[in-house]
Protein backbone atom coordinates (compact mmCIF):
# COMPACT_ATOMS: atom_id res chain seq x y z
CA UNK A 1 -69.26 128.88 -95.31
CA UNK A 2 -72.95 129.60 -94.69
CA UNK A 3 -75.62 126.96 -94.30
CA UNK A 4 -79.09 126.36 -92.91
CA UNK A 5 -79.70 123.69 -90.32
CA UNK A 6 -82.36 122.64 -87.84
CA UNK A 7 -81.44 121.05 -84.52
CA UNK A 8 -84.33 118.80 -83.50
CA UNK A 9 -85.00 116.83 -80.33
CA UNK A 10 -87.71 114.24 -80.70
CA UNK A 11 -88.47 111.14 -78.62
CA UNK A 12 -85.19 111.52 -76.72
CA UNK A 13 -83.05 111.77 -79.87
CA UNK A 14 -81.32 115.02 -80.80
CA UNK A 15 -80.20 115.35 -84.42
CA UNK A 16 -79.35 117.97 -87.03
CA UNK A 17 -81.02 118.44 -90.40
CA UNK A 18 -78.74 120.14 -92.94
CA UNK A 19 -80.38 121.80 -95.92
CA UNK A 20 -78.41 121.02 -99.10
CA UNK A 21 -78.62 122.07 -102.72
CA UNK A 22 -80.35 119.91 -105.29
CA UNK A 23 -78.10 117.08 -106.46
CA UNK A 24 -76.09 117.01 -103.21
CA UNK A 25 -78.18 114.25 -101.60
CA UNK A 26 -75.71 111.34 -101.83
CA UNK A 27 -74.29 108.85 -99.36
CA UNK A 28 -70.78 110.25 -99.92
CA UNK A 29 -71.95 113.78 -99.08
CA UNK A 30 -73.76 112.49 -96.00
CA UNK A 31 -70.57 110.82 -94.78
CA UNK A 32 -68.56 113.97 -95.47
CA UNK A 33 -71.14 116.08 -93.62
CA UNK A 34 -71.00 113.78 -90.58
CA UNK A 35 -67.28 114.47 -90.21
CA UNK A 36 -67.00 118.07 -91.44
CA UNK A 37 -70.04 119.71 -89.80
CA UNK A 38 -69.20 121.88 -86.78
CA UNK A 39 -68.75 119.79 -83.64
CA UNK A 40 -71.40 121.77 -81.76
CA UNK A 41 -74.12 120.41 -84.08
CA UNK A 42 -75.67 117.24 -82.65
CA UNK A 43 -75.17 113.97 -84.46
CA UNK A 44 -76.61 112.17 -86.34
CA UNK A 45 -76.73 114.48 -89.34
CA UNK A 46 -79.62 114.21 -91.80
CA UNK A 47 -79.40 115.85 -95.23
CA UNK A 48 -82.50 117.51 -96.72
CA UNK A 49 -83.03 118.89 -100.21
CA UNK A 50 -86.09 120.59 -101.64
CA UNK A 51 -87.38 118.92 -104.77
CA UNK A 52 -90.39 119.46 -106.98
CA UNK A 53 -92.12 116.62 -105.08
CA UNK A 54 -91.30 118.14 -101.68
CA UNK A 55 -88.41 117.62 -99.27
CA UNK A 56 -86.18 114.57 -99.63
CA UNK A 57 -84.08 113.28 -96.73
CA UNK A 58 -81.01 111.08 -96.40
CA UNK A 59 -79.69 109.66 -93.15
CA UNK A 60 -80.72 107.37 -90.35
CA UNK A 61 -83.85 105.53 -91.48
CA UNK A 62 -85.92 106.01 -88.33
CA UNK A 63 -85.28 109.77 -88.38
CA UNK A 64 -85.99 110.02 -92.12
CA UNK A 65 -89.30 108.19 -91.55
CA UNK A 66 -90.17 110.62 -88.75
CA UNK A 67 -89.29 113.67 -90.88
CA UNK A 68 -91.43 112.44 -93.77
CA UNK A 69 -94.47 113.14 -91.58
CA UNK A 70 -93.37 116.65 -90.54
CA UNK A 71 -93.86 119.85 -92.53
CA UNK A 72 -90.42 121.21 -93.36
CA UNK A 73 -91.62 124.68 -92.27
CA UNK A 74 -92.13 123.32 -88.74
CA UNK A 75 -88.43 122.58 -88.28
CA UNK A 76 -86.49 125.17 -86.25
CA UNK A 77 -84.26 126.41 -89.09
CA UNK A 78 -81.29 128.60 -88.26
CA UNK A 79 -78.53 130.14 -90.37
CA UNK A 80 -74.96 129.22 -89.46
CA UNK A 81 -71.63 130.61 -90.62
CA UNK A 82 -68.33 128.78 -90.22
């Protein structure tokens, strides 16, 4: 499995943003990602999908609010393979 993720440390909180396909941004998929993502990725996990209105996030509310003010291109994206 290949995926793109950004590990971010901000204000003392380290978290992972997982880029997902359109239509995958659901609470069930977030829960599944929290348990199935590789253990070396920091928790909490935030899901991000690109939409025609820009990026949409799902996860912990304070982190989602922070990410809404950040350009998605500024995140340190990396490719992972499991």
